[in-house]
């Protein structure tokens, strides 16, 4: 080959390489016309497990345009007492126990407002949000990005998962967000959060799934939820908003953040309740307003390698019973402290959270077979589950009393008495909250008071109080003996509680 021919061949090779490179770059940057033209309905019919659509320069822009219309700002208001306990007691002991005193105890009323987020899941006007966004609210309303506002009704709430269901009566078609299968979520995939940070109005942030199955306590009695962790910015006001995948489907409800110190702002560590958790609750929330779960009646903990060895286990898997509740289904079935539950209905138990979630997913009355390791031997027990009692159930069971008397009561436990610096052995009904303008406040009852008698009849529990009040109701009023701690001293006083007719 002559030098001239070699030169021409080299130039031709360079030209071909440049053309191929240009074609490749063009194909990567070209906007996918099919994705732009696909209607929202197409996302709803996408089969889980199918290949995920590639993330393009327009993916999140298109999701924001399409789904933001279905995300609402949740506005709540409630009447609270203005006075703080430290003004009366001279220290913050009561506040440390009960939390910031924004309910009860003062003589001046003011309206407290708060903001959160939510999203439409049904064209009839059902909206999902967090329980803590609407808890205790006297009034709830939602506003859409198009400035339409609607009063909202609280249909149901769940203390264990921090999920709440609202209902509005829409006057126009709504944008309904499709819910994905959150079990299919993978660490590292792109996500978008939409919400109402700091009350600014609908905003979007983008990030990835940082972790899947982060076991965090959300509800009562130490129960946990396996959360989706993300670095998409979540700030105060985002609570209740959706976390979306690249199809524009909801994979979680943005719920909480972890920050360093007192700064209440995103540090890139946010958590969402998996949408599958909420989907399981929806039928009961719509029909009953709360979730009824199975109850075993044990206190359990996970295994570490050191503890597993003491049981002769090769792997640290299972749930150790540290305490059995007296009279519980577990006690009746014969379970004992230090038993290790290794399977439930043939399903391997990884840890205590795994067992809690499985039992909670079963209905009361169902018989569950548990395989247990006791003293090096395997045993099987059949347990007929009871009903799990959470904060929501407590509030609903006392709802009529709260409406008439304006206070929330709890049985005084030894631990509560110690933290409130009350005498050892003190018993009674602890005043947990007082509502402004109601009979309890008018009687002078305050948060932290302990009702020890009604008309001379001893009160050792909320149930005792309710029975005594019902007996006194025909008289229109009752005499209460109350134990109070002022932080520096403890004493009794007598007040008169008048009943509303």
Protein backbone atom coordinates (compact mmCIF):
# COMPACT_ATOMS: atom_id res chain seq x y z
CA UNK A 1 0.00 0.00 0.00
CA UNK A 2 1.40 3.37 -1.02
CA UNK A 3 1.88 6.16 1.55
CA UNK A 4 -0.89 8.11 -0.14
CA UNK A 5 -3.30 5.17 0.18
CA UNK A 6 -2.36 4.69 3.84
CA UNK A 7 -3.08 8.34 4.58
CA UNK A 8 -6.50 8.15 2.92
CA UNK A 9 -7.34 4.99 4.86
CA UNK A 10 -6.39 6.64 8.16
CA UNK A 11 -8.50 9.71 7.43
CA UNK A 12 -11.45 7.48 6.53
CA UNK A 13 -11.12 5.54 9.82
CA UNK A 14 -11.05 8.76 11.86
CA UNK A 15 -14.13 10.07 10.06
CA UNK A 16 -16.05 6.85 10.67
CA UNK A 17 -15.13 6.88 14.37
CA UNK A 18 -16.31 10.49 14.71
CA UNK A 19 -19.61 9.66 13.04
CA UNK A 20 -20.22 6.70 15.34
CA UNK A 21 -19.40 8.78 18.44
CA UNK A 22 -21.74 11.55 17.32
CA UNK A 23 -24.55 9.09 16.75
CA UNK A 24 -24.05 7.62 20.20
CA UNK A 25 -24.12 11.02 21.97
CA UNK A 26 -27.18 12.07 19.98
CA UNK A 27 -29.03 8.90 20.96
CA UNK A 28 -28.26 9.51 24.65
CA UNK A 29 -29.48 13.12 24.62
CA UNK A 30 -32.50 12.68 22.39
CA UNK A 31 -35.76 13.27 24.23
CA UNK A 32 -37.94 10.13 24.36
CA UNK A 33 -41.10 11.17 22.51
CA UNK A 34 -43.04 8.11 23.67
CA UNK A 35 -42.49 8.98 27.33
CA UNK A 36 -43.70 12.55 26.76
CA UNK A 37 -46.82 11.42 24.98
CA UNK A 38 -47.74 8.62 27.42
CA UNK A 39 -50.88 9.58 29.41
CA UNK A 40 -51.10 9.17 33.17
CA UNK A 41 -53.30 6.11 32.77
CA UNK A 42 -50.46 4.28 31.11
CA UNK A 43 -48.48 4.50 34.34
CA UNK A 44 -51.32 2.94 36.29
CA UNK A 45 -51.34 -0.13 34.06
CA UNK A 46 -47.57 -0.65 34.10
CA UNK A 47 -46.86 -4.14 35.37
CA UNK A 48 -44.53 -4.38 38.32
CA UNK A 49 -41.35 -6.23 37.53
CA UNK A 50 -41.19 -4.82 34.00
CA UNK A 51 -38.05 -2.99 32.97
CA UNK A 52 -37.89 0.42 34.62
CA UNK A 53 -37.96 3.38 32.25
CA UNK A 54 -34.62 5.07 31.83
CA UNK A 55 -34.08 8.40 33.55
CA UNK A 56 -33.78 11.14 30.96
CA UNK A 57 -33.28 14.88 31.05
CA UNK A 58 -37.08 15.27 31.13
CA UNK A 59 -38.13 12.52 33.54
CA UNK A 60 -38.56 14.60 36.67
CA UNK A 61 -39.86 17.62 34.79
CA UNK A 62 -42.64 15.45 33.36
CA UNK A 63 -43.45 13.88 36.73
CA UNK A 64 -43.69 17.31 38.35
CA UNK A 65 -46.02 18.57 35.63
CA UNK A 66 -48.24 15.52 35.78
CA UNK A 67 -48.42 14.59 39.48
CA UNK A 68 -48.13 17.87 41.38
CA UNK A 69 -51.80 18.60 40.74
CA UNK A 70 -52.68 15.60 42.93
CA UNK A 71 -50.61 16.78 45.92
CA UNK A 72 -52.33 19.00 48.49
CA UNK A 73 -51.37 21.25 51.35
CA UNK A 74 -53.06 20.09 54.56
CA UNK A 75 -54.04 22.95 56.87
CA UNK A 76 -55.16 22.28 60.44
CA UNK A 77 -56.24 24.41 63.36
CA UNK A 78 -57.08 23.75 66.99
CA UNK A 79 -57.83 25.84 70.04
CA UNK A 80 -55.11 25.56 72.69
CA UNK A 81 -54.29 27.22 75.98
CA UNK A 82 -51.72 29.98 75.90
CA UNK A 83 -50.18 29.73 79.37
CA UNK A 84 -47.07 27.53 79.74
CA UNK A 85 -46.62 25.21 82.70
CA UNK A 86 -43.26 26.67 83.62
CA UNK A 87 -45.06 29.95 84.35
CA UNK A 88 -47.06 28.20 87.07
CA UNK A 89 -44.63 25.64 88.43
CA UNK A 90 -41.45 27.66 88.08
CA UNK A 91 -39.58 24.98 86.11
CA UNK A 92 -40.00 22.82 83.03
CA UNK A 93 -40.48 19.47 84.81
CA UNK A 94 -44.02 19.05 83.44
CA UNK A 95 -42.92 20.05 79.96
CA UNK A 96 -40.14 17.48 80.02
CA UNK A 97 -42.70 14.77 80.79
CA UNK A 98 -45.62 15.80 78.61
CA UNK A 99 -43.72 17.61 75.87
CA UNK A 100 -44.21 21.26 74.86
CA UNK A 101 -47.30 22.59 76.56
CA UNK A 102 -49.49 23.66 73.69
CA UNK A 103 -52.63 22.00 75.02
CA UNK A 104 -54.39 22.69 78.26
CA UNK A 105 -53.49 24.28 81.53
CA UNK A 106 -53.91 27.99 80.79
CA UNK A 107 -56.75 30.45 80.97
CA UNK A 108 -56.32 32.15 77.59
CA UNK A 109 -57.32 30.45 74.38
CA UNK A 110 -55.61 30.83 71.05
CA UNK A 111 -55.82 29.10 67.71
CA UNK A 112 -52.80 27.04 66.74
CA UNK A 113 -52.31 26.34 63.05
CA UNK A 114 -50.05 23.83 61.36
CA UNK A 115 -49.26 22.70 57.84
CA UNK A 116 -48.49 19.42 56.17
CA UNK A 117 -48.98 17.61 52.89
CA UNK A 118 -51.11 14.86 51.41
CA UNK A 119 -52.04 13.32 48.07
CA UNK A 120 -55.19 12.16 46.30
CA UNK A 121 -55.65 8.40 45.95
CA UNK A 122 -59.25 8.25 44.74
CA UNK A 123 -61.39 10.34 42.41
CA UNK A 124 -64.08 10.38 45.11
CA UNK A 125 -61.82 12.63 47.19
CA UNK A 126 -59.86 10.34 49.50
CA UNK A 127 -56.48 11.74 50.54
CA UNK A 128 -53.58 10.05 52.35
CA UNK A 129 -51.40 11.94 54.83
CA UNK A 130 -49.62 11.38 58.15
CA UNK A 131 -51.51 10.94 61.39
CA UNK A 132 -49.28 13.46 63.16
CA UNK A 133 -50.23 16.12 60.59
CA UNK A 134 -53.90 16.07 61.61
CA UNK A 135 -53.78 14.70 65.16
CA UNK A 136 -55.85 16.74 67.60
CA UNK A 137 -57.08 19.17 64.92
CA UNK A 138 -60.44 20.86 65.38
CA UNK A 139 -60.60 21.80 61.70
CA UNK A 140 -58.89 20.38 58.63
CA UNK A 141 -58.81 21.77 55.11
CA UNK A 142 -56.79 21.05 52.00
CA UNK A 143 -55.65 23.35 49.23
CA UNK A 144 -54.64 22.36 45.71
CA UNK A 145 -51.99 23.97 43.50
CA UNK A 146 -54.80 25.57 41.46
CA UNK A 147 -55.85 27.45 44.65
CA UNK A 148 -58.98 25.35 45.16
CA UNK A 149 -59.72 24.81 48.85
CA UNK A 150 -61.90 22.18 50.48
CA UNK A 151 -62.85 21.35 54.05
CA UNK A 152 -61.66 17.84 54.90
CA UNK A 153 -63.03 15.14 57.18
CA UNK A 154 -60.78 12.77 59.10
CA UNK A 155 -62.01 9.33 58.04
CA UNK A 156 -59.45 7.22 59.90
CA UNK A 157 -56.00 7.17 61.43
CA UNK A 158 -53.50 4.62 62.65
CA UNK A 159 -51.11 5.26 65.53
CA UNK A 160 -48.82 2.37 64.69
CA UNK A 161 -47.88 3.51 61.18
CA UNK A 162 -48.59 7.28 61.38
CA UNK A 163 -51.03 7.05 58.47
CA UNK A 164 -54.29 9.03 58.20
CA UNK A 165 -57.08 9.08 55.63
CA UNK A 166 -58.99 12.27 54.79
CA UNK A 167 -62.08 12.85 52.64
CA UNK A 168 -63.19 15.90 50.70
CA UNK A 169 -66.22 16.49 48.49
CA UNK A 170 -64.64 17.58 45.19
CA UNK A 171 -66.51 19.81 42.77
CA UNK A 172 -64.21 19.08 39.85
CA UNK A 173 -62.14 16.13 38.55
CA UNK A 174 -59.08 15.35 40.65
CA UNK A 175 -55.61 14.19 39.67
CA UNK A 176 -55.27 10.77 41.27
CA UNK A 177 -51.78 9.48 42.06
CA UNK A 178 -51.12 5.86 41.21
CA UNK A 179 -49.68 3.69 43.98
CA UNK A 180 -46.81 1.38 43.13
CA UNK A 181 -45.67 -1.88 44.74
CA UNK A 182 -43.16 -0.57 47.28
CA UNK A 183 -41.74 -4.07 47.76
CA UNK A 184 -40.16 -3.65 44.32
CA UNK A 185 -38.21 -0.53 45.37
CA UNK A 186 -34.44 -0.90 45.10
CA UNK A 187 -31.64 0.95 46.84
CA UNK A 188 -30.05 3.48 44.50
CA UNK A 189 -33.06 4.14 42.29
CA UNK A 190 -34.09 7.73 41.60
CA UNK A 191 -37.08 9.21 43.48
CA UNK A 192 -38.90 12.53 43.77
CA UNK A 193 -40.55 14.00 46.87
CA UNK A 194 -43.41 16.50 46.56
CA UNK A 195 -44.73 18.50 49.49
CA UNK A 196 -45.23 21.77 51.33
CA UNK A 197 -41.90 22.58 53.05
CA UNK A 198 -42.11 25.35 55.66
CA UNK A 199 -45.55 26.27 54.30
CA UNK A 200 -44.10 27.58 51.03
CA UNK A 201 -46.45 25.53 48.85
CA UNK A 202 -45.87 22.59 46.56
CA UNK A 203 -42.18 21.96 45.95
CA UNK A 204 -40.26 19.05 44.45
CA UNK A 205 -36.93 17.54 45.45
CA UNK A 206 -35.00 14.70 43.86
CA UNK A 207 -32.71 12.05 45.27
CA UNK A 208 -32.26 8.30 45.50
CA UNK A 209 -33.42 5.50 47.78
CA UNK A 210 -30.62 5.40 50.36
CA UNK A 211 -31.82 2.33 52.23
CA UNK A 212 -34.81 0.00 52.23
CA UNK A 213 -36.30 -1.53 55.36
CA UNK A 214 -34.92 0.88 57.96
CA UNK A 215 -36.62 -0.32 61.16
CA UNK A 216 -37.81 2.80 63.01
CA UNK A 217 -40.35 3.25 65.83
CA UNK A 218 -43.35 5.30 64.75
CA UNK A 219 -46.23 4.28 66.92
CA UNK A 220 -46.99 2.88 70.33
CA UNK A 221 -45.53 0.17 72.56
CA UNK A 222 -42.20 0.22 70.72
CA UNK A 223 -43.67 -0.95 67.42
CA UNK A 224 -41.69 -0.23 64.27
CA UNK A 225 -42.16 0.24 60.54
CA UNK A 226 -39.61 -0.76 57.90
CA UNK A 227 -39.14 2.66 56.33
CA UNK A 228 -37.77 3.75 52.97
CA UNK A 229 -34.78 6.04 53.52
CA UNK A 230 -34.02 8.74 50.96
CA UNK A 231 -31.72 11.72 50.49
CA UNK A 232 -34.41 13.64 48.58
CA UNK A 233 -34.85 16.73 50.76
CA UNK A 234 -37.74 16.39 53.24
CA UNK A 235 -38.41 19.33 55.55
CA UNK A 236 -41.10 20.34 58.07
CA UNK A 237 -44.32 20.63 56.10
CA UNK A 238 -43.41 17.77 53.74
CA UNK A 239 -44.96 15.27 56.14
CA UNK A 240 -47.73 13.35 54.42
CA UNK A 241 -46.54 14.10 50.89
CA UNK A 242 -45.69 11.40 48.33
CA UNK A 243 -42.36 9.86 47.44
CA UNK A 244 -42.51 8.93 43.74
CA UNK A 245 -40.54 6.58 41.52
CA UNK A 246 -39.49 7.44 37.98
CA UNK A 247 -42.86 6.23 36.67
CA UNK A 248 -44.57 8.90 38.75
CA UNK A 249 -46.05 6.29 41.09
CA UNK A 250 -46.19 6.66 44.87
CA UNK A 251 -43.81 4.36 46.71
CA UNK A 252 -44.03 6.00 50.14
CA UNK A 253 -45.51 8.67 52.42
CA UNK A 254 -42.86 11.16 53.56
CA UNK A 255 -42.97 11.05 57.34
CA UNK A 256 -39.87 12.09 59.27
CA UNK A 257 -36.29 13.31 59.10
CA UNK A 258 -33.21 12.88 61.26
CA UNK A 259 -31.13 16.00 61.76
CA UNK A 260 -28.10 17.01 63.78
CA UNK A 261 -28.98 19.07 66.82
CA UNK A 262 -31.95 21.42 66.96
CA UNK A 263 -31.99 22.44 63.29
CA UNK A 264 -35.34 21.26 61.96
CA UNK A 265 -34.27 20.94 58.36
CA UNK A 266 -33.17 18.28 55.92
CA UNK A 267 -29.80 16.67 56.44
CA UNK A 268 -30.34 14.22 53.61
CA UNK A 269 -31.70 11.54 55.93
CA UNK A 270 -35.45 11.32 55.39
CA UNK A 271 -37.88 8.45 55.80
CA UNK A 272 -41.12 7.40 54.14
CA UNK A 273 -43.74 4.87 55.17
CA UNK A 274 -43.85 2.29 52.32
CA UNK A 275 -47.07 2.69 50.37
CA UNK A 276 -47.78 -1.04 50.66
CA UNK A 277 -48.16 -0.51 54.41
CA UNK A 278 -50.80 2.15 53.80
CA UNK A 279 -52.58 0.10 51.14
CA UNK A 280 -53.09 -2.75 53.61
CA UNK A 281 -54.74 -0.34 56.06
CA UNK A 282 -57.06 1.46 53.65
CA UNK A 283 -60.05 -0.92 53.81
CA UNK A 284 -60.22 -0.73 57.61
CA UNK A 285 -59.56 3.02 57.70
CA UNK A 286 -62.45 3.62 55.29
CA UNK A 287 -64.88 1.28 57.02
CA UNK A 288 -63.94 1.50 60.71
CA UNK A 289 -61.80 4.63 61.06
CA UNK A 290 -59.01 2.65 62.71
CA UNK A 291 -57.05 -0.56 62.28
CA UNK A 292 -57.81 -3.64 64.36
CA UNK A 293 -54.77 -5.89 64.73
CA UNK A 294 -53.87 -9.18 66.31
CA UNK A 295 -52.22 -9.14 69.75
CA UNK A 296 -49.91 -11.75 71.25
CA UNK A 297 -49.15 -10.13 74.60
CA UNK A 298 -45.38 -10.41 74.93
CA UNK A 299 -42.45 -8.05 75.21
CA UNK A 300 -39.78 -9.18 72.79
CA UNK A 301 -36.26 -8.29 71.70
CA UNK A 302 -33.93 -9.30 68.91
CA UNK A 303 -30.95 -11.62 69.09
CA UNK A 304 -27.30 -10.66 68.73
CA UNK A 305 -24.52 -13.18 68.15
CA UNK A 306 -23.55 -13.32 71.81
CA UNK A 307 -27.12 -13.93 72.98
CA UNK A 308 -27.75 -16.45 70.19
CA UNK A 309 -24.79 -18.55 71.38
CA UNK A 310 -26.30 -18.87 74.86
CA UNK A 311 -29.32 -20.52 73.22
CA UNK A 312 -27.16 -22.78 71.07
CA UNK A 313 -28.22 -21.03 67.88
CA UNK A 314 -25.85 -20.82 64.93
CA UNK A 315 -27.44 -17.61 63.61
CA UNK A 316 -28.78 -14.55 65.41
CA UNK A 317 -32.31 -15.00 64.10
CA UNK A 318 -35.52 -15.09 66.08
CA UNK A 319 -37.35 -13.06 68.72
CA UNK A 320 -36.65 -13.51 72.44
CA UNK A 321 -39.56 -13.15 74.85
CA UNK A 322 -38.42 -10.96 77.75
CA UNK A 323 -41.86 -10.66 79.39
CA UNK A 324 -45.29 -12.25 79.04
CA UNK A 325 -48.30 -10.06 79.85
CA UNK A 326 -50.55 -11.53 82.53
CA UNK A 327 -53.80 -12.86 81.10
CA UNK A 328 -52.61 -12.39 77.52
CA UNK A 329 -53.08 -14.88 74.66
CA UNK A 330 -49.39 -15.78 74.98
CA UNK A 331 -49.72 -16.68 78.67
CA UNK A 332 -52.86 -18.72 78.02
CA UNK A 333 -51.04 -20.64 75.28
CA UNK A 334 -48.13 -21.46 77.61
CA UNK A 335 -45.39 -19.17 76.30
CA UNK A 336 -42.77 -18.10 78.84
CA UNK A 337 -40.06 -15.50 79.27
CA UNK A 338 -36.75 -16.44 77.58
CA UNK A 339 -38.50 -18.53 74.92
CA UNK A 340 -37.10 -17.83 71.45
CA UNK A 341 -39.75 -17.66 68.73
CA UNK A 342 -38.15 -18.93 65.52
CA UNK A 343 -41.16 -19.35 63.19
CA UNK A 344 -44.75 -18.14 62.97
CA UNK A 345 -47.12 -20.23 60.84
CA UNK A 346 -44.02 -21.79 59.28
CA UNK A 347 -42.59 -18.38 58.37
CA UNK A 348 -39.01 -17.84 59.63
CA UNK A 349 -38.73 -14.97 62.11
CA UNK A 350 -35.65 -12.79 61.52
CA UNK A 351 -35.98 -10.49 64.52
CA UNK A 352 -38.44 -8.90 66.95
CA UNK A 353 -39.70 -6.40 64.38
CA UNK A 354 -40.41 -9.20 61.95
CA UNK A 355 -42.57 -11.01 64.52
CA UNK A 356 -44.40 -7.81 65.55
CA UNK A 357 -45.32 -6.99 61.97
CA UNK A 358 -46.53 -10.50 61.25
CA UNK A 359 -48.73 -10.71 64.34
CA UNK A 360 -50.12 -7.24 63.65
CA UNK A 361 -51.07 -8.30 60.11
CA UNK A 362 -53.31 -11.05 61.48
CA UNK A 363 -56.90 -10.58 62.63
CA UNK A 364 -57.94 -10.98 66.28
CA UNK A 365 -59.23 -14.48 67.00
CA UNK A 366 -56.98 -16.15 64.45
CA UNK A 367 -54.91 -19.08 65.69
CA UNK A 368 -51.20 -18.70 64.98
CA UNK A 369 -48.73 -21.57 65.30
CA UNK A 370 -45.41 -20.56 66.86
CA UNK A 371 -42.29 -22.70 66.89
CA UNK A 372 -40.23 -21.93 69.97
CA UNK A 373 -36.82 -22.88 71.33
CA UNK A 374 -36.97 -23.52 75.08
CA UNK A 375 -34.10 -24.92 77.13
CA UNK A 376 -32.48 -26.27 73.97
CA UNK A 377 -35.62 -28.07 72.81
CA UNK A 378 -38.05 -27.14 70.05
CA UNK A 379 -41.69 -26.76 71.04
CA UNK A 380 -44.82 -25.65 69.19
CA UNK A 381 -47.66 -23.53 70.54
CA UNK A 382 -51.01 -22.51 69.07
CA UNK A 383 -52.05 -19.03 70.12
CA UNK A 384 -55.50 -17.48 69.60
CA UNK A 385 -54.70 -13.80 69.08
CA UNK A 386 -56.32 -11.01 71.01
CA UNK A 387 -56.88 -7.40 69.89
CA UNK A 388 -53.97 -4.95 69.85
CA UNK A 389 -54.81 -1.76 71.74
CA UNK A 390 -53.11 1.42 70.53
CA UNK A 391 -53.42 5.15 71.22
CA UNK A 392 -56.12 5.55 68.57
CA UNK A 393 -58.27 2.91 70.20
CA UNK A 394 -57.81 4.60 73.58
CA UNK A 395 -58.83 7.98 72.23
CA UNK A 396 -61.89 6.60 70.49
CA UNK A 397 -62.97 4.62 73.52
CA UNK A 398 -62.94 7.85 75.57
CA UNK A 399 -64.18 10.15 72.81
CA UNK A 400 -67.63 10.74 74.33
CA UNK A 401 -66.11 11.59 77.71
CA UNK A 402 -63.66 14.01 76.11
CA UNK A 403 -66.47 15.71 74.23
CA UNK A 404 -68.43 16.31 77.46
CA UNK A 405 -65.69 16.92 79.99
CA UNK A 406 -62.87 18.26 77.82
CA UNK A 407 -59.95 16.19 79.01
CA UNK A 408 -57.96 13.07 78.23
CA UNK A 409 -57.09 10.68 81.05
CA UNK A 410 -54.56 7.87 81.44
CA UNK A 411 -54.10 5.30 84.19
CA UNK A 412 -51.29 6.49 86.45
CA UNK A 413 -48.47 3.95 86.28
CA UNK A 414 -45.57 3.68 88.76
CA UNK A 415 -43.20 4.93 86.06
CA UNK A 416 -45.38 8.00 85.42
CA UNK A 417 -45.66 8.70 89.14
CA UNK A 418 -41.88 8.56 89.54
CA UNK A 419 -41.25 10.89 86.61
CA UNK A 420 -43.82 13.36 87.96
CA UNK A 421 -42.19 13.13 91.39
CA UNK A 422 -45.40 11.89 93.02
CA UNK A 423 -45.48 9.82 96.24
CA UNK A 424 -44.55 6.15 95.91
CA UNK A 425 -47.66 4.03 95.47
CA UNK A 426 -49.79 6.92 94.15
CA UNK A 427 -52.79 5.73 92.13
CA UNK A 428 -55.49 7.46 90.17
CA UNK A 429 -56.49 8.86 86.79
CA UNK A 430 -53.80 11.11 85.32
CA UNK A 431 -55.00 14.22 83.47
CA UNK A 432 -53.06 14.04 80.22
CA UNK A 433 -54.68 16.90 78.29
CA UNK A 434 -57.17 19.67 79.06
CA UNK A 435 -59.23 21.35 76.35
CA UNK A 436 -59.78 25.08 76.47
CA UNK A 437 -63.25 26.27 77.41
CA UNK A 438 -64.49 22.84 78.52
CA UNK A 439 -65.75 21.68 81.97
CA UNK A 440 -62.38 20.25 83.00
CA UNK A 441 -60.65 23.58 82.50
CA UNK A 442 -63.48 25.47 84.17
CA UNK A 443 -63.07 23.20 87.20
CA UNK A 444 -59.41 24.17 87.39
CA UNK A 445 -58.00 20.81 86.34
CA UNK A 446 -54.57 20.98 84.77
CA UNK A 447 -52.33 18.67 82.86
CA UNK A 448 -50.43 16.49 85.32
CA UNK A 449 -53.18 16.44 87.98
CA UNK A 450 -54.11 13.01 89.34
CA UNK A 451 -57.77 12.44 90.22
CA UNK A 452 -57.81 10.20 93.30
CA UNK A 453 -61.50 10.30 94.25
CA UNK A 454 -64.94 11.32 92.99
CA UNK A 455 -67.52 12.25 95.63
CA UNK A 456 -65.43 10.41 98.19
CA UNK A 457 -65.14 7.21 96.12
CA UNK A 458 -61.54 6.18 95.54
CA UNK A 459 -60.30 6.28 91.94
CA UNK A 460 -57.41 4.05 90.94
CA UNK A 461 -57.91 4.01 87.16
CA UNK A 462 -59.68 5.75 84.31
CA UNK A 463 -62.34 3.05 84.45
CA UNK A 464 -63.02 3.85 88.12
CA UNK A 465 -63.30 7.54 87.26
CA UNK A 466 -65.79 6.91 84.46
CA UNK A 467 -68.01 4.74 86.68
CA UNK A 468 -67.97 7.31 89.48
CA UNK A 469 -68.76 10.16 87.09
CA UNK A 470 -71.70 8.28 85.56
CA UNK A 471 -73.08 7.68 89.05
CA UNK A 472 -72.78 11.39 89.85
CA UNK A 473 -74.09 12.66 86.52
CA UNK A 474 -77.75 13.01 87.64
CA UNK A 475 -76.61 15.55 90.24
CA UNK A 476 -75.08 17.74 87.49
CA UNK A 477 -71.69 17.96 89.21
CA UNK A 478 -69.08 15.94 91.07
CA UNK A 479 -66.52 16.67 93.77
CA UNK A 480 -62.99 15.63 92.77
CA UNK A 481 -60.01 15.22 95.07
CA UNK A 482 -56.87 15.93 93.06
CA UNK A 483 -53.20 15.28 93.71
CA UNK A 484 -50.88 17.86 92.14
CA UNK A 485 -47.12 18.29 91.91
CA UNK A 486 -45.75 21.81 91.61
CA UNK A 487 -42.17 20.68 91.05
CA UNK A 488 -41.13 21.77 94.56
CA UNK A 489 -44.04 20.32 96.55
CA UNK A 490 -46.90 17.84 96.30
CA UNK A 491 -50.37 18.46 97.64
CA UNK A 492 -54.09 17.77 97.36
CA UNK A 493 -56.94 20.06 96.45
CA UNK A 494 -60.67 19.64 95.88
CA UNK A 495 -62.47 20.93 92.78
CA UNK A 496 -66.03 20.73 91.44
CA UNK A 497 -66.54 19.31 87.94
CA UNK A 498 -69.83 20.34 86.33
CA UNK A 499 -71.37 18.24 83.59
CA UNK A 500 -72.74 19.59 80.36
CA UNK A 501 -76.34 18.71 79.71
